[in-house]
Amino acid sequence: MESGDLRIFQAVAREGSITKAAQMLNYVQSNVTTRIQYLEAQLKTPLFRRSNRGMTLTLAGENLLGYADKILTLMDEAVKTTQYSDHPAGPLRIGSIEATAVIHLTPLLAEYQSRYPDVNLSLTTGVTHALLQKVLDYELDGAFVYGPVDEPDIEHIAAFEEELVLISEPGQNGMYELLMKPMLFFDVGCTHRAKAESFLRGTGLTTYQIMEFGTLAVILDGVSSGLGVSMLPQSSIAKAEEQGIITSHRLPEEYRDLQVWFVHRHDTIYSSALTRLIQLVETRQ
């Protein structure tokens, strides 16, 4: 079993498709198919279930993926130990919750890239739960997420502080009346959504209507048009409030505070690129 075959297997498992894996790896599709077939023949067991909707792992495939992730991560880290220098270079895969990416990360990453232009920086956005899982699965080197995070394999540093606010269409007042409206939230897994739901229960509301949306822009449009209300970090809605398309309302003190953490696995060998990013985050406290 060769490491190259494991990388191809890992890519197909993650993408769920030979075609997508080939595009990601920049390989010929037939080569990916051949290497997967060779690996299955070598192990004498099918690793995938094939269907018109793509490829899903068998139990044997799931077991192999766990080992493949660990083996390939160790191999990558072995390379990193030989490449550590005062001049970071190479890939750095970062994730971030959307609000932090929009408000805070642009100046931070611009400064980072100007200092270390040889780093190939990539940014993935998502909700806290999904980003944390990608860090745990070694798919991301680190991520900016809402804390606290209770995970033994994760190290964290405080990055940014936020305030959670209730937002409504302009001209609307009266907290109780606003809370009777539908709540526009991100998908399940968003940490400040959990805090918002805790607040709703604390006010005595046992039932409330939730509408889920995928992006901040769509939530703001929905609120401004009177579709419902939402609870979001103040920094993420400041521009919309300045434009007069929404109004914000302060929450009770125990529900206001949100902290953004930068998280990474504690069992990885820090590359120069990751170390410099951590140092930059720490200096901005």
C-alpha atoms as a PDB file:
ATOM      1  CA  MET A   1       0.000   0.000   0.000  1.00  0.00           C
ATOM      2  CA  GLU A   2       1.544   3.288  -1.138  1.00  0.00           C
ATOM      3  CA  SER A   3       0.964   6.753   0.290  1.00  0.00           C
ATOM      4  CA  GLY A   4      -0.123   7.971  -3.142  1.00  0.00           C
ATOM      5  CA  ASP A   5      -2.928   5.414  -3.184  1.00  0.00           C
ATOM      6  CA  LEU A   6      -3.994   6.498   0.293  1.00  0.00           C
ATOM      7  CA  ARG A   7      -4.169  10.135  -0.836  1.00  0.00           C
ATOM      8  CA  ILE A   8      -6.344   9.183  -3.789  1.00  0.00           C
ATOM      9  CA  PHE A   9      -8.558   7.040  -1.534  1.00  0.00           C
ATOM     10  CA  GLN A  10      -8.844   9.899   0.968  1.00  0.00           C
ATOM     11  CA  ALA A  11      -9.826  12.367  -1.764  1.00  0.00           C
ATOM     12  CA  VAL A  12     -12.534  10.074  -3.172  1.00  0.00           C
ATOM     13  CA  ALA A  13     -13.860   9.437   0.347  1.00  0.00           C
ATOM     14  CA  ARG A  14     -14.038  13.158   1.092  1.00  0.00           C
ATOM     15  CA  GLU A  15     -15.499  14.205  -2.272  1.00  0.00           C
ATOM     16  CA  GLY A  16     -17.826  11.225  -2.709  1.00  0.00           C
ATOM     17  CA  SER A  17     -16.987  11.098  -6.405  1.00  0.00           C
ATOM     18  CA  ILE A  18     -14.192   9.889  -8.684  1.00  0.00           C
ATOM     19  CA  THR A  19     -14.695  12.913 -10.924  1.00  0.00           C
ATOM     20  CA  LYS A  20     -14.487  15.486  -8.100  1.00  0.00           C
ATOM     21  CA  ALA A  21     -11.493  13.743  -6.547  1.00  0.00           C
ATOM     22  CA  ALA A  22      -9.668  13.740  -9.893  1.00  0.00           C
ATOM     23  CA  GLN A  23     -10.362  17.461 -10.325  1.00  0.00           C
ATOM     24  CA  MET A  24      -9.152  18.224  -6.799  1.00  0.00           C
ATOM     25  CA  LEU A  25      -5.959  16.194  -7.250  1.00  0.00           C
ATOM     26  CA  ASN A  26      -5.467  17.360 -10.850  1.00  0.00           C
ATOM     27  CA  TYR A  27      -5.319  13.712 -11.960  1.00  0.00           C
ATOM     28  CA  VAL A  28      -6.808  11.936 -14.958  1.00  0.00           C
ATOM     29  CA  GLN A  29     -10.102  10.376 -13.908  1.00  0.00           C
ATOM     30  CA  SER A  30      -9.189   6.942 -15.260  1.00  0.00           C
ATOM     31  CA  ASN A  31      -6.024   6.959 -13.134  1.00  0.00           C
ATOM     32  CA  VAL A  32      -8.049   7.589  -9.965  1.00  0.00           C
ATOM     33  CA  THR A  33     -10.438   4.758 -10.856  1.00  0.00           C
ATOM     34  CA  THR A  34      -7.553   2.372 -11.526  1.00  0.00           C
ATOM     35  CA  ARG A  35      -5.789   3.183  -8.230  1.00  0.00           C
ATOM     36  CA  ILE A  36      -8.989   2.673  -6.211  1.00  0.00           C
ATOM     37  CA  GLN A  37      -9.603  -0.656  -7.924  1.00  0.00           C
ATOM     38  CA  TYR A  38      -5.989  -1.686  -7.292  1.00  0.00           C
ATOM     39  CA  LEU A  39      -6.286  -0.759  -3.601  1.00  0.00           C
ATOM     40  CA  GLU A  40      -9.499  -2.772  -3.229  1.00  0.00           C
ATOM     41  CA  ALA A  41      -7.888  -5.745  -4.961  1.00  0.00           C
ATOM     42  CA  GLN A  42      -4.824  -5.465  -2.726  1.00  0.00           C
ATOM     43  CA  LEU A  43      -6.978  -5.389   0.422  1.00  0.00           C
ATOM     44  CA  LYS A  44      -9.401  -7.983  -0.982  1.00  0.00           C
ATOM     45  CA  THR A  45     -12.460  -5.992   0.079  1.00  0.00           C
ATOM     46  CA  PRO A  46     -14.660  -3.253  -1.423  1.00  0.00           C
ATOM     47  CA  LEU A  47     -14.013   0.188   0.051  1.00  0.00           C
ATOM     48  CA  PHE A  48     -16.913   2.020  -1.599  1.00  0.00           C
ATOM     49  CA  ARG A  49     -20.543   1.498  -2.484  1.00  0.00           C
ATOM     50  CA  ARG A  50     -21.156   2.774  -6.011  1.00  0.00           C
ATOM     51  CA  SER A  51     -24.445   4.387  -7.081  1.00  0.00           C
ATOM     52  CA  ASN A  52     -25.745   6.995  -9.517  1.00  0.00           C
ATOM     53  CA  ARG A  53     -25.488   9.554  -6.700  1.00  0.00           C
ATOM     54  CA  GLY A  54     -21.802   8.927  -6.047  1.00  0.00           C
ATOM     55  CA  MET A  55     -19.613   6.783  -3.838  1.00  0.00           C
ATOM     56  CA  THR A  56     -20.051   6.117  -0.122  1.00  0.00           C
ATOM     57  CA  LEU A  57     -17.693   4.250   2.172  1.00  0.00           C
ATOM     58  CA  THR A  58     -18.266   0.680   3.257  1.00  0.00           C
ATOM     59  CA  LEU A  59     -17.433  -0.250   6.854  1.00  0.00           C
ATOM     60  CA  ALA A  60     -13.977  -1.360   5.672  1.00  0.00           C
ATOM     61  CA  GLY A  61     -13.585   1.973   3.876  1.00  0.00           C
ATOM     62  CA  GLU A  62     -14.537   3.935   7.002  1.00  0.00           C
ATOM     63  CA  ASN A  63     -11.939   2.022   9.014  1.00  0.00           C
ATOM     64  CA  LEU A  64      -9.261   2.631   6.390  1.00  0.00           C
ATOM     65  CA  LEU A  65     -10.081   6.346   6.179  1.00  0.00           C
ATOM     66  CA  GLY A  66      -9.368   6.775   9.885  1.00  0.00           C
ATOM     67  CA  TYR A  67      -5.912   5.258   9.455  1.00  0.00           C
ATOM     68  CA  ALA A  68      -5.299   7.080   6.163  1.00  0.00           C
ATOM     69  CA  ASP A  69      -5.985  10.450   7.823  1.00  0.00           C
ATOM     70  CA  LYS A  70      -3.492   9.687  10.595  1.00  0.00           C
ATOM     71  CA  ILE A  71      -0.817   8.254   8.287  1.00  0.00           C
ATOM     72  CA  LEU A  72      -0.974  11.103   5.771  1.00  0.00           C
ATOM     73  CA  THR A  73      -1.006  13.731   8.511  1.00  0.00           C
ATOM     74  CA  LEU A  74       2.110  12.186  10.068  1.00  0.00           C
ATOM     75  CA  MET A  75       3.807  12.140   6.671  1.00  0.00           C
ATOM     76  CA  ASP A  76       2.947  15.799   6.078  1.00  0.00           C
ATOM     77  CA  GLU A  77       4.213  16.701   9.529  1.00  0.00           C
ATOM     78  CA  ALA A  78       7.458  14.823   8.885  1.00  0.00           C
ATOM     79  CA  VAL A  79       7.988  17.081   5.885  1.00  0.00           C
ATOM     80  CA  LYS A  80       7.115  20.165   7.951  1.00  0.00           C
ATOM     81  CA  THR A  81       9.800  19.351  10.515  1.00  0.00           C
ATOM     82  CA  THR A  82      12.434  19.541   7.795  1.00  0.00           C
ATOM     83  CA  GLN A  83      11.055  22.755   6.336  1.00  0.00           C
ATOM     84  CA  TYR A  84      10.614  24.927   9.447  1.00  0.00           C
ATOM     85  CA  SER A  85      12.271  28.282   8.887  1.00  0.00           C
ATOM     86  CA  ASP A  86      11.946  31.977   9.649  1.00  0.00           C
ATOM     87  CA  HIS A  87      10.468  32.429   6.168  1.00  0.00           C
ATOM     88  CA  PRO A  88       7.139  30.534   6.128  1.00  0.00           C
ATOM     89  CA  ALA A  89       6.050  28.980   2.861  1.00  0.00           C
ATOM     90  CA  GLY A  90       3.636  26.354   1.592  1.00  0.00           C
ATOM     91  CA  PRO A  91      -0.060  25.743   2.249  1.00  0.00           C
ATOM     92  CA  LEU A  92      -2.016  26.975   5.274  1.00  0.00           C
ATOM     93  CA  ARG A  93      -5.658  25.889   5.422  1.00  0.00           C
ATOM     94  CA  ILE A  94      -7.786  28.104   7.658  1.00  0.00           C
ATOM     95  CA  GLY A  95     -11.497  28.036   8.462  1.00  0.00           C
ATOM     96  CA  SER A  96     -13.738  30.731   9.905  1.00  0.00           C
ATOM     97  CA  ILE A  97     -17.307  31.427  10.892  1.00  0.00           C
ATOM     98  CA  GLU A  98     -18.759  33.771   8.292  1.00  0.00           C
ATOM     99  CA  ALA A  99     -19.279  36.848  10.482  1.00  0.00           C
ATOM    100  CA  THR A 100     -15.660  36.795  11.672  1.00  0.00           C
ATOM    101  CA  ALA A 101     -14.392  36.256   8.125  1.00  0.00           C
ATOM    102  CA  VAL A 102     -16.315  39.301   6.898  1.00  0.00           C
ATOM    103  CA  ILE A 103     -15.569  41.670   9.776  1.00  0.00           C
ATOM    104  CA  HIS A 104     -12.259  40.702  11.373  1.00  0.00           C
ATOM    105  CA  LEU A 105     -10.201  38.477   9.104  1.00  0.00           C
ATOM    106  CA  THR A 106      -9.752  40.685   6.062  1.00  0.00           C
ATOM    107  CA  PRO A 107      -7.284  43.076   7.777  1.00  0.00           C
ATOM    108  CA  LEU A 108      -5.602  40.266   9.761  1.00  0.00           C
ATOM    109  CA  LEU A 109      -5.052  38.009   6.760  1.00  0.00           C
ATOM    110  CA  ALA A 110      -4.000  40.945   4.582  1.00  0.00           C
ATOM    111  CA  GLU A 111      -1.301  41.776   7.117  1.00  0.00           C
ATOM    112  CA  TYR A 112      -0.298  38.123   7.341  1.00  0.00           C
ATOM    113  CA  GLN A 113      -0.032  37.746   3.562  1.00  0.00           C
ATOM    114  CA  SER A 114       2.027  40.919   3.239  1.00  0.00           C
ATOM    115  CA  ARG A 115       4.480  39.586   5.806  1.00  0.00           C
ATOM    116  CA  TYR A 116       4.605  36.043   4.451  1.00  0.00           C
ATOM    117  CA  PRO A 117       3.844  36.151   0.719  1.00  0.00           C
ATOM    118  CA  ASP A 118       5.173  32.625   0.113  1.00  0.00           C
ATOM    119  CA  VAL A 119       2.397  31.069   2.199  1.00  0.00           C
ATOM    120  CA  ASN A 120      -0.419  29.660   0.078  1.00  0.00           C
ATOM    121  CA  LEU A 121      -3.326  30.688   2.297  1.00  0.00           C
ATOM    122  CA  SER A 122      -6.827  29.266   1.808  1.00  0.00           C
ATOM    123  CA  LEU A 123      -9.972  30.177   3.762  1.00  0.00           C
ATOM    124  CA  THR A 124     -13.096  28.037   4.242  1.00  0.00           C
ATOM    125  CA  THR A 125     -16.227  29.462   5.900  1.00  0.00           C
ATOM    126  CA  GLY A 126     -18.854  27.525   7.814  1.00  0.00           C
ATOM    127  CA  VAL A 127     -20.514  27.108  11.202  1.00  0.00           C
ATOM    128  CA  THR A 128     -18.565  26.330  14.363  1.00  0.00           C
ATOM    129  CA  HIS A 129     -19.512  22.644  14.584  1.00  0.00           C
ATOM    130  CA  ALA A 130     -18.552  21.857  10.984  1.00  0.00           C
ATOM    131  CA  LEU A 131     -15.283  23.816  11.139  1.00  0.00           C
ATOM    132  CA  LEU A 132     -14.266  22.154  14.399  1.00  0.00           C
ATOM    133  CA  GLN A 133     -14.840  18.747  12.844  1.00  0.00           C
ATOM    134  CA  LYS A 134     -12.645  19.674   9.884  1.00  0.00           C
ATOM    135  CA  VAL A 135      -9.856  20.631  12.296  1.00  0.00           C
ATOM    136  CA  LEU A 136     -10.272  17.347  14.170  1.00  0.00           C
ATOM    137  CA  ASP A 137     -10.200  15.450  10.857  1.00  0.00           C
ATOM    138  CA  TYR A 138      -6.970  17.253   9.804  1.00  0.00           C
ATOM    139  CA  GLU A 139      -8.764  18.903   6.878  1.00  0.00           C
ATOM    140  CA  LEU A 140      -7.969  22.367   8.273  1.00  0.00           C
ATOM    141  CA  ASP A 141      -4.831  23.542  10.081  1.00  0.00           C
ATOM    142  CA  GLY A 142      -6.930  25.802  12.300  1.00  0.00           C
ATOM    143  CA  ALA A 143     -10.201  27.713  12.444  1.00  0.00           C
ATOM    144  CA  PHE A 144     -11.819  30.791  13.976  1.00  0.00           C
ATOM    145  CA  VAL A 145     -14.937  29.569  15.809  1.00  0.00           C
ATOM    146  CA  TYR A 146     -17.236  30.624  18.618  1.00  0.00           C
ATOM    147  CA  GLY A 147     -16.097  29.362  22.019  1.00  0.00           C
ATOM    148  CA  PRO A 148     -16.026  27.763  24.418  1.00  0.00           C
ATOM    149  CA  VAL A 149     -15.004  24.472  22.804  1.00  0.00           C
ATOM    150  CA  ASP A 150     -14.831  21.449  25.113  1.00  0.00           C
ATOM    151  CA  GLU A 151     -12.676  19.067  23.087  1.00  0.00           C
ATOM    152  CA  PRO A 152      -9.584  17.313  24.522  1.00  0.00           C
ATOM    153  CA  ASP A 153      -7.722  17.237  21.189  1.00  0.00           C
ATOM    154  CA  ILE A 154      -8.089  20.985  20.622  1.00  0.00           C
ATOM    155  CA  GLU A 155      -5.857  23.891  21.650  1.00  0.00           C
ATOM    156  CA  HIS A 156      -7.282  27.409  21.509  1.00  0.00           C
ATOM    157  CA  ILE A 157      -6.415  31.051  21.908  1.00  0.00           C
ATOM    158  CA  ALA A 158      -8.814  33.974  22.331  1.00  0.00           C
ATOM    159  CA  ALA A 159      -9.033  35.912  19.067  1.00  0.00           C
ATOM    160  CA  PHE A 160     -11.944  38.392  19.063  1.00  0.00           C
ATOM    161  CA  GLU A 161     -14.800  39.470  21.326  1.00  0.00           C
ATOM    162  CA  GLU A 162     -18.329  40.028  20.045  1.00  0.00           C
ATOM    163  CA  GLU A 163     -21.691  41.158  21.413  1.00  0.00           C
ATOM    164  CA  LEU A 164     -24.841  39.252  20.531  1.00  0.00           C
ATOM    165  CA  VAL A 165     -27.798  41.523  19.665  1.00  0.00           C
ATOM    166  CA  LEU A 166     -31.393  41.073  18.599  1.00  0.00           C
ATOM    167  CA  ILE A 167     -32.167  42.623  15.202  1.00  0.00           C
ATOM    168  CA  SER A 168     -35.485  43.573  13.643  1.00  0.00           C
ATOM    169  CA  GLU A 169     -36.838  45.634  10.785  1.00  0.00           C
ATOM    170  CA  PRO A 170     -36.561  49.422  11.342  1.00  0.00           C
ATOM    171  CA  GLY A 171     -39.083  51.055  13.634  1.00  0.00           C
ATOM    172  CA  GLN A 172     -39.916  47.904  15.587  1.00  0.00           C
ATOM    173  CA  ASN A 173     -39.684  48.043  19.404  1.00  0.00           C
ATOM    174  CA  GLY A 174     -40.853  46.025  22.372  1.00  0.00           C
ATOM    175  CA  MET A 175     -38.716  42.993  23.157  1.00  0.00           C
ATOM    176  CA  TYR A 176     -41.575  40.596  23.913  1.00  0.00           C
ATOM    177  CA  GLU A 177     -43.466  41.473  20.718  1.00  0.00           C
ATOM    178  CA  LEU A 178     -40.314  41.001  18.682  1.00  0.00           C
ATOM    179  CA  LEU A 179     -39.646  37.596  20.194  1.00  0.00           C
ATOM    180  CA  MET A 180     -43.063  36.396  19.012  1.00  0.00           C
ATOM    181  CA  LYS A 181     -41.902  36.779  15.411  1.00  0.00           C
ATOM    182  CA  PRO A 182     -40.151  33.928  13.486  1.00  0.00           C
ATOM    183  CA  MET A 183     -36.445  33.587  14.320  1.00  0.00           C
ATOM    184  CA  LEU A 184     -34.099  33.637  11.333  1.00  0.00           C
ATOM    185  CA  PHE A 185     -30.997  31.579  12.094  1.00  0.00           C
ATOM    186  CA  PHE A 186     -28.096  29.828  10.426  1.00  0.00           C
ATOM    187  CA  ASP A 187     -28.223  26.040  10.191  1.00  0.00           C
ATOM    188  CA  VAL A 188     -27.926  23.878  13.317  1.00  0.00           C
ATOM    189  CA  GLY A 189     -24.364  23.954  14.658  1.00  0.00           C
ATOM    190  CA  CYS A 190     -24.039  27.727  14.962  1.00  0.00           C
ATOM    191  CA  THR A 191     -22.868  28.508  18.498  1.00  0.00           C
ATOM    192  CA  HIS A 192     -24.574  31.878  18.860  1.00  0.00           C
ATOM    193  CA  ARG A 193     -27.813  30.245  17.707  1.00  0.00           C
ATOM    194  CA  ALA A 194     -27.556  27.991  20.792  1.00  0.00           C
ATOM    195  CA  LYS A 195     -27.032  31.051  22.993  1.00  0.00           C
ATOM    196  CA  ALA A 196     -30.004  32.768  21.352  1.00  0.00           C
ATOM    197  CA  GLU A 197     -32.240  29.744  21.947  1.00  0.00           C
ATOM    198  CA  SER A 198     -31.122  29.715  25.594  1.00  0.00           C
ATOM    199  CA  PHE A 199     -32.209  33.353  25.855  1.00  0.00           C
ATOM    200  CA  LEU A 200     -35.597  32.568  24.322  1.00  0.00           C
ATOM    201  CA  ARG A 201     -36.191  29.790  26.842  1.00  0.00           C
ATOM    202  CA  GLY A 202     -35.070  32.138  29.625  1.00  0.00           C
ATOM    203  CA  THR A 203     -37.817  34.610  28.682  1.00  0.00           C
ATOM    204  CA  GLY A 204     -40.412  31.893  29.156  1.00  0.00           C
ATOM    205  CA  LEU A 205     -41.008  31.149  25.485  1.00  0.00           C
ATOM    206  CA  THR A 206     -41.374  27.395  25.161  1.00  0.00           C
ATOM    207  CA  THR A 207     -42.335  27.405  21.496  1.00  0.00           C
ATOM    208  CA  TYR A 208     -41.026  29.615  18.717  1.00  0.00           C
ATOM    209  CA  GLN A 209     -40.785  29.413  14.960  1.00  0.00           C
ATOM    210  CA  ILE A 210     -37.306  28.987  13.449  1.00  0.00           C
ATOM    211  CA  MET A 211     -36.421  29.605   9.807  1.00  0.00           C
ATOM    212  CA  GLU A 212     -32.967  28.471   8.682  1.00  0.00           C
ATOM    213  CA  PHE A 213     -30.832  30.288   6.107  1.00  0.00           C
ATOM    214  CA  GLY A 214     -27.375  29.645   4.731  1.00  0.00           C
ATOM    215  CA  THR A 215     -25.800  33.106   4.613  1.00  0.00           C
ATOM    216  CA  LEU A 216     -25.621  36.307   6.624  1.00  0.00           C
ATOM    217  CA  ALA A 217     -26.801  38.395   3.662  1.00  0.00           C
ATOM    218  CA  VAL A 218     -30.016  36.384   3.290  1.00  0.00           C
ATOM    219  CA  ILE A 219     -30.774  36.646   7.019  1.00  0.00           C
ATOM    220  CA  LEU A 220     -30.310  40.439   6.935  1.00  0.00           C
ATOM    221  CA  ASP A 221     -32.543  40.726   3.876  1.00  0.00           C
ATOM    222  CA  GLY A 222     -35.214  38.633   5.601  1.00  0.00           C
ATOM    223  CA  VAL A 223     -35.118  40.726   8.765  1.00  0.00           C
ATOM    224  CA  SER A 224     -35.172  44.056   6.895  1.00  0.00           C
ATOM    225  CA  SER A 225     -38.207  42.947   4.899  1.00  0.00           C
ATOM    226  CA  GLY A 226     -40.156  42.032   8.054  1.00  0.00           C
ATOM    227  CA  LEU A 227     -39.949  38.254   7.600  1.00  0.00           C
ATOM    228  CA  GLY A 228     -38.778  37.826  11.188  1.00  0.00           C
ATOM    229  CA  VAL A 229     -36.046  38.750  13.670  1.00  0.00           C
ATOM    230  CA  SER A 230     -32.622  37.322  14.408  1.00  0.00           C
ATOM    231  CA  MET A 231     -29.780  37.336  16.935  1.00  0.00           C
ATOM    232  CA  LEU A 232     -26.346  38.022  15.485  1.00  0.00           C
ATOM    233  CA  PRO A 233     -22.944  39.449  16.486  1.00  0.00           C
ATOM    234  CA  GLN A 234     -23.146  43.241  16.582  1.00  0.00           C
ATOM    235  CA  SER A 235     -20.116  43.686  14.325  1.00  0.00           C
ATOM    236  CA  SER A 236     -21.739  41.627  11.580  1.00  0.00           C
ATOM    237  CA  ILE A 237     -24.851  43.836  11.427  1.00  0.00           C
ATOM    238  CA  ALA A 238     -23.257  47.253  12.089  1.00  0.00           C
ATOM    239  CA  LYS A 239     -23.118  48.257   8.422  1.00  0.00           C
ATOM    240  CA  ALA A 240     -26.723  47.221   7.791  1.00  0.00           C
ATOM    241  CA  GLU A 241     -27.826  49.232  10.834  1.00  0.00           C
ATOM    242  CA  GLU A 242     -25.895  52.295   9.636  1.00  0.00           C
ATOM    243  CA  GLN A 243     -27.721  51.988   6.319  1.00  0.00           C
ATOM    244  CA  GLY A 244     -31.017  51.986   8.185  1.00  0.00           C
ATOM    245  CA  ILE A 245     -32.247  48.639   6.902  1.00  0.00           C
ATOM    246  CA  ILE A 246     -32.382  46.952  10.345  1.00  0.00           C
ATOM    247  CA  THR A 247     -32.521  47.991  14.009  1.00  0.00           C
ATOM    248  CA  SER A 248     -30.555  46.312  16.814  1.00  0.00           C
ATOM    249  CA  HIS A 249     -31.659  45.775  20.427  1.00  0.00           C
ATOM    250  CA  ARG A 250     -29.350  44.939  23.352  1.00  0.00           C
ATOM    251  CA  LEU A 251     -29.901  41.665  25.163  1.00  0.00           C
ATOM    252  CA  PRO A 252     -29.635  41.106  28.920  1.00  0.00           C
ATOM    253  CA  GLU A 253     -25.996  41.082  30.020  1.00  0.00           C
ATOM    254  CA  GLU A 254     -25.734  37.344  30.629  1.00  0.00           C
ATOM    255  CA  TYR A 255     -26.587  36.643  26.987  1.00  0.00           C
ATOM    256  CA  ARG A 256     -24.485  39.308  25.250  1.00  0.00           C
ATOM    257  CA  ASP A 257     -20.926  38.039  25.294  1.00  0.00           C
ATOM    258  CA  LEU A 258     -19.548  35.997  22.401  1.00  0.00           C
ATOM    259  CA  GLN A 259     -15.904  35.028  22.120  1.00  0.00           C
ATOM    260  CA  VAL A 260     -14.195  33.926  18.941  1.00  0.00           C
ATOM    261  CA  TRP A 261     -11.374  31.424  19.414  1.00  0.00           C
ATOM    262  CA  PHE A 262      -8.684  30.277  17.042  1.00  0.00           C
ATOM    263  CA  VAL A 263      -8.535  26.495  17.430  1.00  0.00           C
ATOM    264  CA  HIS A 264      -6.084  23.865  16.186  1.00  0.00           C
ATOM    265  CA  ARG A 265      -5.176  20.300  17.089  1.00  0.00           C
ATOM    266  CA  HIS A 266      -2.691  19.994  19.939  1.00  0.00           C
ATOM    267  CA  ASP A 267      -1.070  16.849  18.500  1.00  0.00           C
ATOM    268  CA  THR A 268       0.138  18.421  15.256  1.00  0.00           C
ATOM    269  CA  ILE A 269       3.611  19.742  14.575  1.00  0.00           C
ATOM    270  CA  TYR A 270       3.251  23.465  13.984  1.00  0.00           C
ATOM    271  CA  SER A 271       4.490  24.610  10.607  1.00  0.00           C
ATOM    272  CA  SER A 272       6.204  27.985  10.338  1.00  0.00           C
ATOM    273  CA  ALA A 273       3.089  29.278   8.588  1.00  0.00           C
ATOM    274  CA  LEU A 274       0.736  28.209  11.411  1.00  0.00           C
ATOM    275  CA  THR A 275       3.103  29.429  14.135  1.00  0.00           C
ATOM    276  CA  ARG A 276       3.316  32.892  12.578  1.00  0.00           C
ATOM    277  CA  LEU A 277      -0.469  33.118  12.287  1.00  0.00           C
ATOM    278  CA  ILE A 278      -0.906  32.197  15.960  1.00  0.00           C
ATOM    279  CA  GLN A 279       1.666  34.825  16.933  1.00  0.00           C
ATOM    280  CA  LEU A 280      -0.118  37.462  14.854  1.00  0.00           C
ATOM    281  CA  VAL A 281      -3.476  36.657  16.481  1.00  0.00           C
ATOM    282  CA  GLU A 282      -1.916  36.878  19.944  1.00  0.00           C
ATOM    283  CA  THR A 283      -0.345  40.284  19.267  1.00  0.00           C
ATOM    284  CA  ARG A 284      -3.729  41.747  18.294  1.00  0.00           C
ATOM    285  CA  GLN A 285      -5.283  41.010  21.716  1.00  0.00           C
END
